[in-house]
PDB file of N, CA and C in Angstrom:
ATOM      1  N   MET A   1      32.315   4.522  -3.167  1.00  0.00           N
ATOM      2  CA  MET A   1      32.759   5.173  -4.428  1.00  0.00           C
ATOM      3  C   MET A   1      32.305   4.248  -5.727  1.00  0.00           C
ATOM      4  N   VAL A   2      32.296   4.431  -6.777  1.00  0.00           N
ATOM      5  CA  VAL A   2      32.177   3.174  -7.540  1.00  0.00           C
ATOM      6  C   VAL A   2      33.021   4.048  -8.883  1.00  0.00           C
ATOM      7  N   GLY A   3      33.736   5.183  -9.166  1.00  0.00           N
ATOM      8  CA  GLY A   3      34.488   5.749 -10.014  1.00  0.00           C
ATOM      9  C   GLY A   3      36.136   5.203  -9.917  1.00  0.00           C
ATOM     10  N   VAL A   4      36.131   4.971 -11.133  1.00  0.00           N
ATOM     11  CA  VAL A   4      37.209   4.136 -11.297  1.00  0.00           C
ATOM     12  C   VAL A   4      38.701   4.988 -11.237  1.00  0.00           C
ATOM     13  N   PRO A   5      39.734   4.700 -10.684  1.00  0.00           N
ATOM     14  CA  PRO A   5      40.805   5.304 -10.355  1.00  0.00           C
ATOM     15  C   PRO A   5      41.494   5.847 -11.194  1.00  0.00           C
ATOM     16  N   ALA A   6      41.740   7.262 -11.151  1.00  0.00           N
ATOM     17  CA  ALA A   6      42.499   7.700 -12.015  1.00  0.00           C
ATOM     18  C   ALA A   6      43.933   7.743 -12.867  1.00  0.00           C
ATOM     19  N   HIS A   7      44.458   6.639 -11.821  1.00  0.00           N
ATOM     20  CA  HIS A   7      45.827   6.659 -12.437  1.00  0.00           C
ATOM     21  C   HIS A   7      45.643   5.465 -13.014  1.00  0.00           C
ATOM     22  N   ILE A   8      44.700   4.996 -13.461  1.00  0.00           N
ATOM     23  CA  ILE A   8      44.747   3.376 -14.170  1.00  0.00           C
ATOM     24  C   ILE A   8      44.804   3.775 -15.470  1.00  0.00           C
ATOM     25  N   LYS A   9      45.308   3.225 -16.442  1.00  0.00           N
ATOM     26  CA  LYS A   9      45.499   3.597 -18.145  1.00  0.00           C
ATOM     27  C   LYS A   9      43.965   3.667 -18.585  1.00  0.00           C
ATOM     28  N   GLY A  10      42.870   3.024 -18.458  1.00  0.00           N
ATOM     29  CA  GLY A  10      42.033   2.679 -18.705  1.00  0.00           C
ATOM     30  C   GLY A  10      40.942   4.089 -18.424  1.00  0.00           C
ATOM     31  N   TYR A  11      41.706   4.967 -17.249  1.00  0.00           N
ATOM     32  CA  TYR A  11      40.568   5.974 -16.766  1.00  0.00           C
ATOM     33  C   TYR A  11      40.333   6.888 -17.937  1.00  0.00           C
ATOM     34  N   PRO A  12      40.926   7.462 -19.037  1.00  0.00           N
ATOM     35  CA  PRO A  12      40.989   8.515 -19.661  1.00  0.00           C
ATOM     36  C   PRO A  12      39.947   7.635 -20.959  1.00  0.00           C
ATOM     37  N   TYR A  13      39.959   6.358 -21.187  1.00  0.00           N
ATOM     38  CA  TYR A  13      39.089   6.086 -21.800  1.00  0.00           C
ATOM     39  C   TYR A  13      37.870   5.749 -21.408  1.00  0.00           C
ATOM     40  N   VAL A  14      37.821   5.219 -20.464  1.00  0.00           N
ATOM     41  CA  VAL A  14      36.083   5.173 -19.795  1.00  0.00           C
ATOM     42  C   VAL A  14      35.465   6.543 -19.680  1.00  0.00           C
ATOM     43  N   ARG A  15      36.468   7.524 -19.003  1.00  0.00           N
ATOM     44  CA  ARG A  15      35.656   9.143 -19.336  1.00  0.00           C
ATOM     45  C   ARG A  15      35.079   9.404 -20.647  1.00  0.00           C
ATOM     46  N   ARG A  16      36.091   9.293 -21.412  1.00  0.00           N
ATOM     47  CA  ARG A  16      35.390   9.493 -22.949  1.00  0.00           C
ATOM     48  C   ARG A  16      34.431   8.860 -23.400  1.00  0.00           C
ATOM     49  N   ALA A  17      34.330   7.307 -23.149  1.00  0.00           N
ATOM     50  CA  ALA A  17      33.636   6.531 -23.354  1.00  0.00           C
ATOM     51  C   ALA A  17      32.111   7.463 -22.918  1.00  0.00           C
ATOM     52  N   ILE A  18      32.044   7.347 -21.701  1.00  0.00           N
ATOM     53  CA  ILE A  18      30.632   7.807 -20.896  1.00  0.00           C
ATOM     54  C   ILE A  18      30.683   9.367 -21.206  1.00  0.00           C
ATOM     55  N   LEU A  19      31.149   9.925 -21.824  1.00  0.00           N
ATOM     56  CA  LEU A  19      30.592  11.409 -22.557  1.00  0.00           C
ATOM     57  C   LEU A  19      30.379  10.933 -23.856  1.00  0.00           C
ATOM     58  N   MET A  20      30.836  10.006 -24.551  1.00  0.00           N
ATOM     59  CA  MET A  20      30.335   9.961 -25.719  1.00  0.00           C
ATOM     60  C   MET A  20      29.080   9.240 -25.563  1.00  0.00           C
ATOM     61  N   ALA A  21      28.715   8.175 -24.764  1.00  0.00           N
ATOM     62  CA  ALA A  21      27.497   7.630 -24.716  1.00  0.00           C
ATOM     63  C   ALA A  21      26.440   8.491 -23.976  1.00  0.00           C
ATOM     64  N   MET A  22      26.850   9.605 -23.478  1.00  0.00           N
ATOM     65  CA  MET A  22      26.033  10.723 -22.566  1.00  0.00           C
ATOM     66  C   MET A  22      24.883  11.097 -23.899  1.00  0.00           C
ATOM     67  N   GLU A  23      26.258  11.671 -25.079  1.00  0.00           N
ATOM     68  CA  GLU A  23      25.401  12.403 -26.484  1.00  0.00           C
ATOM     69  C   GLU A  23      24.993  11.490 -27.313  1.00  0.00           C
ATOM     70  N   LYS A  24      25.657  10.202 -27.103  1.00  0.00           N
ATOM     71  CA  LYS A  24      24.757   8.953 -28.267  1.00  0.00           C
ATOM     72  C   LYS A  24      24.530   7.789 -27.380  1.00  0.00           C
ATOM     73  N   PRO A  25      23.446   7.497 -26.915  1.00  0.00           N
ATOM     74  CA  PRO A  25      23.086   6.446 -26.198  1.00  0.00           C
ATOM     75  C   PRO A  25      23.592   4.933 -26.955  1.00  0.00           C
ATOM     76  N   GLU A  26      23.190   4.925 -28.145  1.00  0.00           N
ATOM     77  CA  GLU A  26      23.385   3.842 -28.818  1.00  0.00           C
ATOM     78  C   GLU A  26      24.746   3.343 -29.000  1.00  0.00           C
ATOM     79  N   LEU A  27      25.952   3.971 -28.766  1.00  0.00           N
ATOM     80  CA  LEU A  27      27.220   3.641 -28.512  1.00  0.00           C
ATOM     81  C   LEU A  27      27.312   2.841 -27.504  1.00  0.00           C
ATOM     82  N   ALA A  28      26.727   2.548 -26.677  1.00  0.00           N
ATOM     83  CA  ALA A  28      27.041   1.841 -25.321  1.00  0.00           C
ATOM     84  C   ALA A  28      26.606   0.323 -25.690  1.00  0.00           C
ATOM     85  N   HIS A  29      26.179   0.359 -26.742  1.00  0.00           N
ATOM     86  CA  HIS A  29      25.390  -1.213 -26.998  1.00  0.00           C
ATOM     87  C   HIS A  29      25.763  -1.617 -28.537  1.00  0.00           C
ATOM     88  N   ALA A  30      27.479  -0.753 -29.053  1.00  0.00           N
ATOM     89  CA  ALA A  30      27.575  -0.870 -30.175  1.00  0.00           C
ATOM     90  C   ALA A  30      29.311  -0.152 -29.939  1.00  0.00           C
ATOM     91  N   LEU A  31      29.741  -0.838 -28.976  1.00  0.00           N
ATOM     92  CA  LEU A  31      31.098  -1.308 -28.267  1.00  0.00           C
ATOM     93  C   LEU A  31      32.408  -1.272 -29.550  1.00  0.00           C
ATOM     94  N   THR A  32      32.006  -2.885 -30.454  1.00  0.00           N
ATOM     95  CA  THR A  32      33.333  -3.111 -30.562  1.00  0.00           C
ATOM     96  C   THR A  32      33.172  -2.581 -32.248  1.00  0.00           C
ATOM     97  N   LYS A  33      32.131  -2.258 -32.445  1.00  0.00           N
ATOM     98  CA  LYS A  33      31.486  -1.498 -34.110  1.00  0.00           C
ATOM     99  C   LYS A  33      32.142  -0.102 -34.204  1.00  0.00           C
ATOM    100  N   ALA A  34      31.642   0.527 -32.717  1.00  0.00           N
ATOM    101  CA  ALA A  34      31.962   1.840 -33.085  1.00  0.00           C
ATOM    102  C   ALA A  34      32.193   2.784 -32.170  1.00  0.00           C
ATOM    103  N   LEU A  35      32.136   2.097 -30.621  1.00  0.00           N
ATOM    104  CA  LEU A  35      32.794   3.336 -29.428  1.00  0.00           C
ATOM    105  C   LEU A  35      34.005   2.582 -29.178  1.00  0.00           C
ATOM    106  N   TYR A  36      34.593   1.541 -29.266  1.00  0.00           N
ATOM    107  CA  TYR A  36      36.004   1.412 -29.643  1.00  0.00           C
ATOM    108  C   TYR A  36      37.180   1.861 -30.555  1.00  0.00           C
ATOM    109  N   PRO A  37      36.205   1.303 -31.816  1.00  0.00           N
ATOM    110  CA  PRO A  37      36.845   2.053 -32.831  1.00  0.00           C
ATOM    111  C   PRO A  37      37.195   3.603 -32.543  1.00  0.00           C
ATOM    112  N   ALA A  38      35.909   4.399 -32.361  1.00  0.00           N
ATOM    113  CA  ALA A  38      36.593   5.806 -32.193  1.00  0.00           C
ATOM    114  C   ALA A  38      37.567   6.444 -30.984  1.00  0.00           C
ATOM    115  N   LEU A  39      37.361   5.844 -29.557  1.00  0.00           N
ATOM    116  CA  LEU A  39      38.056   5.773 -28.646  1.00  0.00           C
ATOM    117  C   LEU A  39      39.823   5.573 -29.369  1.00  0.00           C
ATOM    118  N   ALA A  40      39.909   4.743 -29.982  1.00  0.00           N
ATOM    119  CA  ALA A  40      41.071   4.377 -30.528  1.00  0.00           C
ATOM    120  C   ALA A  40      42.310   5.215 -31.390  1.00  0.00           C
ATOM    121  N   ARG A  41      40.722   5.708 -32.353  1.00  0.00           N
ATOM    122  CA  ARG A  41      41.240   6.871 -33.282  1.00  0.00           C
ATOM    123  C   ARG A  41      41.742   8.369 -32.492  1.00  0.00           C
ATOM    124  N   GLN A  42      40.796   8.775 -31.405  1.00  0.00           N
ATOM    125  CA  GLN A  42      41.049   9.531 -30.594  1.00  0.00           C
ATOM    126  C   GLN A  42      42.412   9.447 -30.224  1.00  0.00           C
ATOM    127  N   PHE A  43      42.724   8.090 -29.187  1.00  0.00           N
ATOM    128  CA  PHE A  43      44.116   8.002 -28.455  1.00  0.00           C
ATOM    129  C   PHE A  43      45.120   7.638 -29.034  1.00  0.00           C
ATOM    130  N   GLY A  44      44.813   7.322 -30.381  1.00  0.00           N
ATOM    131  CA  GLY A  44      45.965   6.854 -30.947  1.00  0.00           C
ATOM    132  C   GLY A  44      46.459   5.393 -30.660  1.00  0.00           C
ATOM    133  N   THR A  45      45.655   4.565 -30.687  1.00  0.00           N
ATOM    134  CA  THR A  45      45.992   3.315 -30.254  1.00  0.00           C
ATOM    135  C   THR A  45      44.970   2.294 -30.900  1.00  0.00           C
ATOM    136  N   THR A  46      44.753   0.997 -30.573  1.00  0.00           N
ATOM    137  CA  THR A  46      44.410   0.108 -31.155  1.00  0.00           C
ATOM    138  C   THR A  46      42.678  -0.300 -30.780  1.00  0.00           C
ATOM    139  N   PRO A  47      41.508  -0.835 -31.091  1.00  0.00           N
ATOM    140  CA  PRO A  47      40.098  -0.944 -30.013  1.00  0.00           C
ATOM    141  C   PRO A  47      40.337  -1.858 -29.028  1.00  0.00           C
ATOM    142  N   SER A  48      41.546  -2.600 -29.322  1.00  0.00           N
ATOM    143  CA  SER A  48      41.765  -4.158 -28.636  1.00  0.00           C
ATOM    144  C   SER A  48      42.549  -3.557 -27.467  1.00  0.00           C
ATOM    145  N   CYS A  49      43.157  -2.712 -27.510  1.00  0.00           N
ATOM    146  CA  CYS A  49      43.833  -1.893 -26.274  1.00  0.00           C
ATOM    147  C   CYS A  49      43.120  -1.150 -25.518  1.00  0.00           C
ATOM    148  N   VAL A  50      41.933  -0.634 -26.090  1.00  0.00           N
ATOM    149  CA  VAL A  50      40.444   0.283 -25.615  1.00  0.00           C
ATOM    150  C   VAL A  50      40.210  -0.282 -24.468  1.00  0.00           C
ATOM    151  N   GLU A  51      39.638  -1.612 -25.442  1.00  0.00           N
ATOM    152  CA  GLU A  51      38.376  -2.756 -25.084  1.00  0.00           C
ATOM    153  C   GLU A  51      39.073  -2.919 -23.575  1.00  0.00           C
ATOM    154  N   ARG A  52      40.652  -3.873 -23.697  1.00  0.00           N
ATOM    155  CA  ARG A  52      41.356  -4.089 -22.371  1.00  0.00           C
ATOM    156  C   ARG A  52      41.436  -2.947 -21.611  1.00  0.00           C
ATOM    157  N   ALA A  53      41.847  -1.900 -21.499  1.00  0.00           N
ATOM    158  CA  ALA A  53      42.088  -0.814 -20.782  1.00  0.00           C
ATOM    159  C   ALA A  53      40.891  -0.799 -19.899  1.00  0.00           C
ATOM    160  N   ILE A  54      39.663  -0.592 -20.618  1.00  0.00           N
ATOM    161  CA  ILE A  54      38.493  -0.506 -19.976  1.00  0.00           C
ATOM    162  C   ILE A  54      38.119  -1.379 -18.990  1.00  0.00           C
ATOM    163  N   ARG A  55      38.262  -2.206 -19.684  1.00  0.00           N
ATOM    164  CA  ARG A  55      37.888  -3.914 -18.758  1.00  0.00           C
ATOM    165  C   ARG A  55      38.476  -3.457 -17.758  1.00  0.00           C
ATOM    166  N   SER A  56      40.144  -3.190 -17.524  1.00  0.00           N
ATOM    167  CA  SER A  56      41.002  -3.713 -16.131  1.00  0.00           C
ATOM    168  C   SER A  56      40.712  -2.199 -15.139  1.00  0.00           C
ATOM    169  N   ALA A  57      39.891  -0.865 -16.012  1.00  0.00           N
ATOM    170  CA  ALA A  57      39.600  -0.038 -15.074  1.00  0.00           C
ATOM    171  C   ALA A  57      38.079  -0.328 -14.166  1.00  0.00           C
ATOM    172  N   VAL A  58      37.594  -0.954 -15.022  1.00  0.00           N
ATOM    173  CA  VAL A  58      35.776  -1.433 -14.475  1.00  0.00           C
ATOM    174  C   VAL A  58      36.570  -2.198 -13.531  1.00  0.00           C
ATOM    175  N   ASP A  59      37.179  -3.026 -13.656  1.00  0.00           N
ATOM    176  CA  ASP A  59      37.681  -4.121 -12.351  1.00  0.00           C
ATOM    177  C   ASP A  59      37.964  -3.593 -11.331  1.00  0.00           C
ATOM    178  N   ALA A  60      39.234  -2.804 -11.732  1.00  0.00           N
ATOM    179  CA  ALA A  60      39.586  -2.124 -10.592  1.00  0.00           C
ATOM    180  C   ALA A  60      38.533  -1.294  -9.816  1.00  0.00           C
ATOM    181  N   ALA A  61      37.640  -0.398 -10.808  1.00  0.00           N
ATOM    182  CA  ALA A  61      36.633   0.133  -9.994  1.00  0.00           C
ATOM    183  C   ALA A  61      35.934  -0.719  -8.545  1.00  0.00           C
ATOM    184  N   TRP A  62      35.173  -2.005  -9.508  1.00  0.00           N
ATOM    185  CA  TRP A  62      34.744  -2.957  -8.902  1.00  0.00           C
ATOM    186  C   TRP A  62      35.401  -3.271  -7.348  1.00  0.00           C
ATOM    187  N   MET A  63      36.843  -3.576  -7.473  1.00  0.00           N
ATOM    188  CA  MET A  63      37.399  -4.314  -6.047  1.00  0.00           C
ATOM    189  C   MET A  63      37.519  -3.197  -5.258  1.00  0.00           C
ATOM    190  N   ARG A  64      37.407  -1.604  -5.331  1.00  0.00           N
ATOM    191  CA  ARG A  64      37.703  -0.408  -4.711  1.00  0.00           C
ATOM    192  C   ARG A  64      36.820   0.070  -4.371  1.00  0.00           C
ATOM    193  N   GLY A  65      35.362   0.013  -5.172  1.00  0.00           N
ATOM    194  CA  GLY A  65      34.635   0.800  -4.988  1.00  0.00           C
ATOM    195  C   GLY A  65      33.533   0.398  -3.766  1.00  0.00           C
ATOM    196  N   ASP A  66      32.631   0.940  -3.300  1.00  0.00           N
ATOM    197  CA  ASP A  66      31.555   0.936  -2.310  1.00  0.00           C
ATOM    198  C   ASP A  66      30.574  -0.192  -2.773  1.00  0.00           C
ATOM    199  N   PRO A  67      30.825  -1.204  -2.092  1.00  0.00           N
ATOM    200  CA  PRO A  67      29.900  -2.294  -2.475  1.00  0.00           C
ATOM    201  C   PRO A  67      27.754  -1.758  -2.521  1.00  0.00           C
ATOM    202  N   GLU A  68      27.568  -0.891  -1.269  1.00  0.00           N
ATOM    203  CA  GLU A  68      26.588  -0.451  -1.445  1.00  0.00           C
ATOM    204  C   GLU A  68      26.264   0.795  -2.627  1.00  0.00           C
ATOM    205  N   ILE A  69      26.823   1.514  -2.733  1.00  0.00           N
ATOM    206  CA  ILE A  69      26.857   2.435  -4.339  1.00  0.00           C
ATOM    207  C   ILE A  69      26.993   1.484  -5.191  1.00  0.00           C
ATOM    208  N   GLN A  70      27.719   0.532  -5.921  1.00  0.00           N
ATOM    209  CA  GLN A  70      27.855  -0.111  -6.431  1.00  0.00           C
ATOM    210  C   GLN A  70      26.189  -0.890  -6.792  1.00  0.00           C
ATOM    211  N   ARG A  71      25.388  -1.503  -5.738  1.00  0.00           N
ATOM    212  CA  ARG A  71      24.680  -1.994  -5.735  1.00  0.00           C
ATOM    213  C   ARG A  71      23.101  -0.823  -6.439  1.00  0.00           C
ATOM    214  N   SER A  72      23.321   0.150  -5.865  1.00  0.00           N
ATOM    215  CA  SER A  72      22.309   1.295  -6.279  1.00  0.00           C
ATOM    216  C   SER A  72      22.640   1.418  -7.554  1.00  0.00           C
ATOM    217  N   TYR A  73      23.837   1.604  -8.031  1.00  0.00           N
ATOM    218  CA  TYR A  73      23.749   1.517  -9.893  1.00  0.00           C
ATOM    219  C   TYR A  73      23.609   0.627 -10.575  1.00  0.00           C
ATOM    220  N   PHE A  74      24.178  -0.823 -10.126  1.00  0.00           N
ATOM    221  CA  PHE A  74      24.304  -2.132 -11.104  1.00  0.00           C
ATOM    222  C   PHE A  74      23.175  -3.012 -10.260  1.00  0.00           C
ATOM    223  N   THR A  75      22.616  -3.531 -11.138  1.00  0.00           N
ATOM    224  CA  THR A  75      21.916  -4.716 -10.600  1.00  0.00           C
ATOM    225  C   THR A  75      22.557  -6.468 -11.153  1.00  0.00           C
ATOM    226  N   VAL A  76      23.638  -6.136 -11.206  1.00  0.00           N
ATOM    227  CA  VAL A  76      24.941  -7.457 -11.719  1.00  0.00           C
ATOM    228  C   VAL A  76      25.813  -7.412 -10.523  1.00  0.00           C
ATOM    229  N   ASP A  77      26.537  -8.295 -10.577  1.00  0.00           N
ATOM    230  CA  ASP A  77      27.525  -8.561  -9.401  1.00  0.00           C
ATOM    231  C   ASP A  77      28.814  -7.809 -10.067  1.00  0.00           C
ATOM    232  N   LYS A  78      29.060  -7.828 -10.923  1.00  0.00           N
ATOM    233  CA  LYS A  78      30.257  -7.170 -11.681  1.00  0.00           C
ATOM    234  C   LYS A  78      29.894  -6.332 -13.304  1.00  0.00           C
ATOM    235  N   PRO A  79      29.457  -5.371 -13.373  1.00  0.00           N
ATOM    236  CA  PRO A  79      28.903  -4.883 -15.188  1.00  0.00           C
ATOM    237  C   PRO A  79      29.883  -5.215 -16.162  1.00  0.00           C
ATOM    238  N   SER A  80      29.499  -5.442 -17.183  1.00  0.00           N
ATOM    239  CA  SER A  80      30.285  -5.719 -18.402  1.00  0.00           C
ATOM    240  C   SER A  80      30.786  -4.238 -18.748  1.00  0.00           C
ATOM    241  N   ASN A  81      31.661  -4.119 -19.683  1.00  0.00           N
ATOM    242  CA  ASN A  81      32.432  -2.772 -20.117  1.00  0.00           C
ATOM    243  C   ASN A  81      31.042  -1.470 -20.637  1.00  0.00           C
ATOM    244  N   GLY A  82      30.140  -2.491 -21.446  1.00  0.00           N
ATOM    245  CA  GLY A  82      28.947  -1.778 -22.068  1.00  0.00           C
ATOM    246  C   GLY A  82      27.516  -1.578 -20.921  1.00  0.00           C
ATOM    247  N   VAL A  83      27.736  -2.395 -20.323  1.00  0.00           N
ATOM    248  CA  VAL A  83      26.484  -1.769 -18.718  1.00  0.00           C
ATOM    249  C   VAL A  83      27.041  -0.811 -18.205  1.00  0.00           C
ATOM    250  N   PHE A  84      28.622  -1.021 -17.589  1.00  0.00           N
ATOM    251  CA  PHE A  84      29.010   0.368 -16.580  1.00  0.00           C
ATOM    252  C   PHE A  84      28.622   1.501 -17.507  1.00  0.00           C
ATOM    253  N   ILE A  85      29.179   1.526 -18.873  1.00  0.00           N
ATOM    254  CA  ILE A  85      29.259   2.903 -19.747  1.00  0.00           C
ATOM    255  C   ILE A  85      27.731   3.665 -19.949  1.00  0.00           C
ATOM    256  N   ALA A  86      26.938   1.964 -20.282  1.00  0.00           N
ATOM    257  CA  ALA A  86      25.911   2.919 -20.023  1.00  0.00           C
ATOM    258  C   ALA A  86      24.887   3.273 -18.867  1.00  0.00           C
ATOM    259  N   ALA A  87      25.226   2.686 -17.999  1.00  0.00           N
ATOM    260  CA  ALA A  87      24.903   3.039 -16.791  1.00  0.00           C
ATOM    261  C   ALA A  87      24.958   4.645 -16.166  1.00  0.00           C
ATOM    262  N   MET A  88      26.624   4.707 -16.349  1.00  0.00           N
ATOM    263  CA  MET A  88      27.107   5.619 -16.204  1.00  0.00           C
ATOM    264  C   MET A  88      26.634   7.087 -16.636  1.00  0.00           C
ATOM    265  N   ALA A  89      26.556   6.703 -17.852  1.00  0.00           N
ATOM    266  CA  ALA A  89      26.227   7.671 -18.840  1.00  0.00           C
ATOM    267  C   ALA A  89      24.526   7.898 -18.218  1.00  0.00           C
ATOM    268  N   GLU A  90      23.695   7.187 -18.043  1.00  0.00           N
ATOM    269  CA  GLU A  90      22.344   7.474 -17.575  1.00  0.00           C
ATOM    270  C   GLU A  90      22.301   8.285 -16.275  1.00  0.00           C
ATOM    271  N   LYS A  91      23.028   7.590 -15.465  1.00  0.00           N
ATOM    272  CA  LYS A  91      23.137   8.484 -14.428  1.00  0.00           C
ATOM    273  C   LYS A  91      23.554   9.922 -14.402  1.00  0.00           C
ATOM    274  N   LEU A  92      24.139  10.404 -15.498  1.00  0.00           N
ATOM    275  CA  LEU A  92      24.964  11.473 -15.529  1.00  0.00           C
ATOM    276  C   LEU A  92      23.800  12.290 -16.254  1.00  0.00           C
ATOM    277  N   ARG A  93      23.448  11.596 -17.250  1.00  0.00           N
ATOM    278  CA  ARG A  93      22.576  12.375 -18.242  1.00  0.00           C
ATOM    279  C   ARG A  93      21.111  12.730 -17.186  1.00  0.00           C
ATOM    280  N   ALA A  94      20.644  12.099 -16.369  1.00  0.00           N
ATOM    281  CA  ALA A  94      19.418  12.246 -15.313  1.00  0.00           C
ATOM    282  C   ALA A  94      19.712  13.117 -14.656  1.00  0.00           C
ATOM    283  N   GLY A  95      21.220  13.458 -14.129  1.00  0.00           N
ATOM    284  CA  GLY A  95      21.626  14.418 -13.119  1.00  0.00           C
ATOM    285  C   GLY A  95      21.573  15.692 -14.044  1.00  0.00           C
ATOM    286  N   CYS A  96      22.057  15.279 -15.074  1.00  0.00           N
ATOM    287  CA  CYS A  96      22.338  16.625 -15.748  1.00  0.00           C
ATOM    288  C   CYS A  96      20.364  17.291 -16.391  1.00  0.00           C
ATOM    289  N   GLU A  97      19.812  16.813 -16.347  1.00  0.00           N
ATOM    290  CA  GLU A  97      18.353  16.877 -16.711  1.00  0.00           C
ATOM    291  C   GLU A  97      17.766  17.535 -15.333  1.00  0.00           C
ATOM    292  N   ASN A  98      18.006  16.865 -14.172  1.00  0.00           N
ATOM    293  CA  ASN A  98      17.586  17.411 -12.972  1.00  0.00           C
ATOM    294  C   ASN A  98      17.955  18.718 -12.867  1.00  0.00           C
ATOM    295  N   ILE A  99      19.475  18.707 -12.903  1.00  0.00           N
ATOM    296  CA  ILE A  99      20.085  20.305 -12.802  1.00  0.00           C
ATOM    297  C   ILE A  99      19.234  21.219 -13.926  1.00  0.00           C
ATOM    298  N   VAL A 100      19.254  21.163 -14.878  1.00  0.00           N
ATOM    299  CA  VAL A 100      18.279  22.025 -16.046  1.00  0.00           C
ATOM    300  C   VAL A 100      16.985  21.926 -15.873  1.00  0.00           C
ATOM    301  N   ALA A 101      16.441  21.762 -15.075  1.00  0.00           N
ATOM    302  CA  ALA A 101      15.029  21.609 -15.023  1.00  0.00           C
ATOM    303  C   ALA A 101      14.627  22.169 -13.955  1.00  0.00           C
TER     304      ALA A 101
END
């Protein structure tokens, strides 16, 4: 399992970030200028709190997840926030295209 545990504070941020990156892939490459501030406004917090919570959520997912599945999704030992969000958005977007096609 690659997923972020639902009880982690960053879970709703990661979830929303992935959905936003599915709609606008460029957001995964503009974290500090666009994605974190947008999430902070939505959740009533600061961009730095969003960044930290997402980083903690990715760390938790990496420590608890299935290493084989992680290797199938990522080419790095532990992805950065942006790489994690972009990869998950791309996997989901590809899955949705397969369902529609």
